[in-house]
């Protein structure tokens, strides 16, 4: 049974409520693990098949990325959201300023100022890698 968006949001909300001490995260990505997901599914009264867990995990991670407070250090989560919300951006031509504007426009972005250049590079490179996955490019094709 595929979970609908409301069920995914419910599970993400339970994870945030039960693990609020982890957010905002000091890590680039959402700190989500299988135990957190399974516990939240049980609390939500949702039974999922083992083969559905990877898809549910991905969707819940995206839902969490959209609701938890984000800082510049969360470049992995920022890139995931930018990839979802701005799929038509030309990442080979995008400027650091444009990435900063898009990031600051995320409703749950809560950081001030501009990050160091390496953080902006990490956001851009991670976003490009997500786009490469979507296009199903090989490693050689992705960096031509």
C-alpha atoms as a PDB file:
ATOM      1  CA  UNK A   1       0.000   0.000   0.000  1.00  0.00           C
ATOM      2  CA  UNK A   2       1.528   3.325  -1.038  1.00  0.00           C
ATOM      3  CA  UNK A   3       1.247   6.035   1.582  1.00  0.00           C
ATOM      4  CA  UNK A   4      -0.498   9.247   0.586  1.00  0.00           C
ATOM      5  CA  UNK A   5       0.952  12.702   1.229  1.00  0.00           C
ATOM      6  CA  UNK A   6      -1.105  13.180   4.409  1.00  0.00           C
ATOM      7  CA  UNK A   7       0.258   9.938   5.876  1.00  0.00           C
ATOM      8  CA  UNK A   8       3.825  10.914   4.961  1.00  0.00           C
ATOM      9  CA  UNK A   9       3.307  14.316   6.613  1.00  0.00           C
ATOM     10  CA  UNK A  10       1.874  12.636   9.713  1.00  0.00           C
ATOM     11  CA  UNK A  11       4.898  10.340  10.022  1.00  0.00           C
ATOM     12  CA  UNK A  12       7.300  13.260   9.474  1.00  0.00           C
ATOM     13  CA  UNK A  13       5.474  15.275  12.129  1.00  0.00           C
ATOM     14  CA  UNK A  14       5.722  12.438  14.640  1.00  0.00           C
ATOM     15  CA  UNK A  15       9.452  12.109  13.966  1.00  0.00           C
ATOM     16  CA  UNK A  16       9.941  15.846  14.474  1.00  0.00           C
ATOM     17  CA  UNK A  17       7.885  15.836  17.689  1.00  0.00           C
ATOM     18  CA  UNK A  18       9.662  12.796  19.140  1.00  0.00           C
ATOM     19  CA  UNK A  19      13.138  13.870  18.030  1.00  0.00           C
ATOM     20  CA  UNK A  20      12.921  17.642  18.214  1.00  0.00           C
ATOM     21  CA  UNK A  21      16.248  17.754  20.032  1.00  0.00           C
ATOM     22  CA  UNK A  22      17.938  16.727  16.767  1.00  0.00           C
ATOM     23  CA  UNK A  23      16.728  19.795  14.882  1.00  0.00           C
ATOM     24  CA  UNK A  24      18.072  22.018  13.579  1.00  0.00           C
ATOM     25  CA  UNK A  25      20.663  19.420  12.750  1.00  0.00           C
ATOM     26  CA  UNK A  26      24.363  20.141  12.718  1.00  0.00           C
ATOM     27  CA  UNK A  27      24.726  17.625   9.879  1.00  0.00           C
ATOM     28  CA  UNK A  28      24.284  18.266   6.151  1.00  0.00           C
ATOM     29  CA  UNK A  29      21.347  15.847   5.898  1.00  0.00           C
ATOM     30  CA  UNK A  30      18.240  15.016   7.894  1.00  0.00           C
ATOM     31  CA  UNK A  31      19.164  12.707  10.812  1.00  0.00           C
ATOM     32  CA  UNK A  32      16.642   9.996   9.971  1.00  0.00           C
ATOM     33  CA  UNK A  33      17.177   6.319  10.634  1.00  0.00           C
ATOM     34  CA  UNK A  34      15.166   3.132  10.297  1.00  0.00           C
ATOM     35  CA  UNK A  35      14.307   2.928  14.001  1.00  0.00           C
ATOM     36  CA  UNK A  36      12.877   6.452  13.986  1.00  0.00           C
ATOM     37  CA  UNK A  37      10.840   5.654  10.880  1.00  0.00           C
ATOM     38  CA  UNK A  38       9.473   2.342  12.188  1.00  0.00           C
ATOM     39  CA  UNK A  39       8.559   3.860  15.565  1.00  0.00           C
ATOM     40  CA  UNK A  40       6.722   6.716  13.870  1.00  0.00           C
ATOM     41  CA  UNK A  41       4.872   4.382  11.509  1.00  0.00           C
ATOM     42  CA  UNK A  42       3.633   2.375  14.512  1.00  0.00           C
ATOM     43  CA  UNK A  43       2.542   5.549  16.340  1.00  0.00           C
ATOM     44  CA  UNK A  44       0.683   6.656  13.203  1.00  0.00           C
ATOM     45  CA  UNK A  45      -1.033   3.263  12.977  1.00  0.00           C
ATOM     46  CA  UNK A  46       0.474   2.601   9.558  1.00  0.00           C
ATOM     47  CA  UNK A  47       1.588  -0.861   8.511  1.00  0.00           C
ATOM     48  CA  UNK A  48       4.134  -0.926   5.712  1.00  0.00           C
ATOM     49  CA  UNK A  49       5.631  -3.820   3.827  1.00  0.00           C
ATOM     50  CA  UNK A  50       9.400  -4.265   4.030  1.00  0.00           C
ATOM     51  CA  UNK A  51       9.804  -3.519   0.311  1.00  0.00           C
ATOM     52  CA  UNK A  52       7.999  -0.166   0.775  1.00  0.00           C
ATOM     53  CA  UNK A  53      10.391   1.128   3.440  1.00  0.00           C
ATOM     54  CA  UNK A  54      13.033   2.645   1.093  1.00  0.00           C
ATOM     55  CA  UNK A  55      10.390   4.706  -0.742  1.00  0.00           C
ATOM     56  CA  UNK A  56       8.717   5.742   2.515  1.00  0.00           C
ATOM     57  CA  UNK A  57      12.099   6.692   3.991  1.00  0.00           C
ATOM     58  CA  UNK A  58      12.878   8.899   0.981  1.00  0.00           C
ATOM     59  CA  UNK A  59       9.474  10.592   1.065  1.00  0.00           C
ATOM     60  CA  UNK A  60       9.586  11.157   4.837  1.00  0.00           C
ATOM     61  CA  UNK A  61      13.108  12.605   4.553  1.00  0.00           C
ATOM     62  CA  UNK A  62      11.830  15.072   1.953  1.00  0.00           C
ATOM     63  CA  UNK A  63       8.829  15.943   4.142  1.00  0.00           C
ATOM     64  CA  UNK A  64      11.117  16.499   7.132  1.00  0.00           C
ATOM     65  CA  UNK A  65      13.483  18.644   5.074  1.00  0.00           C
ATOM     66  CA  UNK A  66      10.507  20.865   4.260  1.00  0.00           C
ATOM     67  CA  UNK A  67       9.441  21.393   7.900  1.00  0.00           C
ATOM     68  CA  UNK A  68      12.522  21.339  10.123  1.00  0.00           C
ATOM     69  CA  UNK A  69      14.475  24.558  10.696  1.00  0.00           C
ATOM     70  CA  UNK A  70      17.361  24.656   8.213  1.00  0.00           C
ATOM     71  CA  UNK A  71      20.715  26.398   8.460  1.00  0.00           C
ATOM     72  CA  UNK A  72      23.479  26.821   5.894  1.00  0.00           C
ATOM     73  CA  UNK A  73      25.236  23.771   7.360  1.00  0.00           C
ATOM     74  CA  UNK A  74      22.320  21.592   6.200  1.00  0.00           C
ATOM     75  CA  UNK A  75      23.488  21.746   2.586  1.00  0.00           C
ATOM     76  CA  UNK A  76      22.291  18.212   1.771  1.00  0.00           C
ATOM     77  CA  UNK A  77      18.729  18.943   2.865  1.00  0.00           C
ATOM     78  CA  UNK A  78      18.810  22.340   1.160  1.00  0.00           C
ATOM     79  CA  UNK A  79      19.914  20.720  -2.107  1.00  0.00           C
ATOM     80  CA  UNK A  80      17.110  18.139  -1.868  1.00  0.00           C
ATOM     81  CA  UNK A  81      14.504  20.884  -1.448  1.00  0.00           C
ATOM     82  CA  UNK A  82      15.965  23.063  -4.206  1.00  0.00           C
ATOM     83  CA  UNK A  83      16.006  20.061  -6.536  1.00  0.00           C
ATOM     84  CA  UNK A  84      12.348  19.391  -5.781  1.00  0.00           C
ATOM     85  CA  UNK A  85      11.146  22.986  -5.957  1.00  0.00           C
ATOM     86  CA  UNK A  86      13.282  24.271  -8.835  1.00  0.00           C
ATOM     87  CA  UNK A  87      13.785  21.345 -11.225  1.00  0.00           C
ATOM     88  CA  UNK A  88      14.258  23.599 -14.255  1.00  0.00           C
ATOM     89  CA  UNK A  89      17.189  25.651 -12.928  1.00  0.00           C
ATOM     90  CA  UNK A  90      20.258  25.495 -15.174  1.00  0.00           C
ATOM     91  CA  UNK A  91      22.766  24.233 -12.639  1.00  0.00           C
ATOM     92  CA  UNK A  92      25.724  24.652 -14.952  1.00  0.00           C
ATOM     93  CA  UNK A  93      24.980  28.376 -15.176  1.00  0.00           C
ATOM     94  CA  UNK A  94      23.507  29.069 -11.739  1.00  0.00           C
ATOM     95  CA  UNK A  95      25.219  31.747  -9.662  1.00  0.00           C
ATOM     96  CA  UNK A  96      26.056  31.608  -5.985  1.00  0.00           C
ATOM     97  CA  UNK A  97      23.775  34.619  -5.530  1.00  0.00           C
ATOM     98  CA  UNK A  98      20.844  32.762  -7.143  1.00  0.00           C
ATOM     99  CA  UNK A  99      21.386  29.709  -4.921  1.00  0.00           C
ATOM    100  CA  UNK A 100      21.483  31.987  -1.871  1.00  0.00           C
ATOM    101  CA  UNK A 101      18.232  33.691  -2.940  1.00  0.00           C
ATOM    102  CA  UNK A 102      16.456  30.369  -3.527  1.00  0.00           C
ATOM    103  CA  UNK A 103      17.720  28.984  -0.225  1.00  0.00           C
ATOM    104  CA  UNK A 104      16.679  32.033   1.782  1.00  0.00           C
ATOM    105  CA  UNK A 105      13.228  31.794   0.160  1.00  0.00           C
ATOM    106  CA  UNK A 106      12.649  28.324   1.634  1.00  0.00           C
ATOM    107  CA  UNK A 107       9.951  28.830   4.290  1.00  0.00           C
ATOM    108  CA  UNK A 108      11.816  26.826   6.927  1.00  0.00           C
ATOM    109  CA  UNK A 109      15.251  28.380   6.326  1.00  0.00           C
ATOM    110  CA  UNK A 110      16.294  30.079   9.574  1.00  0.00           C
ATOM    111  CA  UNK A 111      19.897  31.236   9.130  1.00  0.00           C
ATOM    112  CA  UNK A 112      21.269  34.744   8.754  1.00  0.00           C
ATOM    113  CA  UNK A 113      23.953  36.138   6.519  1.00  0.00           C
ATOM    114  CA  UNK A 114      25.871  34.350   3.827  1.00  0.00           C
ATOM    115  CA  UNK A 115      27.799  31.127   4.341  1.00  0.00           C
ATOM    116  CA  UNK A 116      31.384  30.504   3.391  1.00  0.00           C
ATOM    117  CA  UNK A 117      32.054  29.709  -0.255  1.00  0.00           C
ATOM    118  CA  UNK A 118      32.641  26.004   0.410  1.00  0.00           C
ATOM    119  CA  UNK A 119      29.110  25.670   1.812  1.00  0.00           C
ATOM    120  CA  UNK A 120      27.623  27.231  -1.323  1.00  0.00           C
ATOM    121  CA  UNK A 121      29.764  24.910  -3.452  1.00  0.00           C
ATOM    122  CA  UNK A 122      28.484  21.937  -1.432  1.00  0.00           C
ATOM    123  CA  UNK A 123      24.869  22.969  -2.027  1.00  0.00           C
ATOM    124  CA  UNK A 124      25.475  23.332  -5.769  1.00  0.00           C
ATOM    125  CA  UNK A 125      27.457  20.082  -6.138  1.00  0.00           C
ATOM    126  CA  UNK A 126      24.904  18.129  -4.114  1.00  0.00           C
ATOM    127  CA  UNK A 127      22.063  19.609  -6.180  1.00  0.00           C
ATOM    128  CA  UNK A 128      23.883  18.663  -9.390  1.00  0.00           C
ATOM    129  CA  UNK A 129      24.399  15.116  -8.106  1.00  0.00           C
ATOM    130  CA  UNK A 130      20.662  14.813  -7.382  1.00  0.00           C
ATOM    131  CA  UNK A 131      19.889  16.014 -10.894  1.00  0.00           C
ATOM    132  CA  UNK A 132      22.351  13.484 -12.292  1.00  0.00           C
ATOM    133  CA  UNK A 133      20.463  10.750 -10.416  1.00  0.00           C
ATOM    134  CA  UNK A 134      17.161  11.962 -11.843  1.00  0.00           C
ATOM    135  CA  UNK A 135      18.599  11.882 -15.355  1.00  0.00           C
ATOM    136  CA  UNK A 136      20.099   8.419 -14.756  1.00  0.00           C
ATOM    137  CA  UNK A 137      23.495   9.520 -16.061  1.00  0.00           C
ATOM    138  CA  UNK A 138      26.612   7.425 -15.674  1.00  0.00           C
ATOM    139  CA  UNK A 139      29.491   8.967 -13.747  1.00  0.00           C
ATOM    140  CA  UNK A 140      31.364   9.730 -16.973  1.00  0.00           C
ATOM    141  CA  UNK A 141      28.330  11.413 -18.549  1.00  0.00           C
ATOM    142  CA  UNK A 142      27.546  13.422 -15.422  1.00  0.00           C
ATOM    143  CA  UNK A 143      30.833  15.315 -15.446  1.00  0.00           C
ATOM    144  CA  UNK A 144      31.265  16.006 -19.160  1.00  0.00           C
END
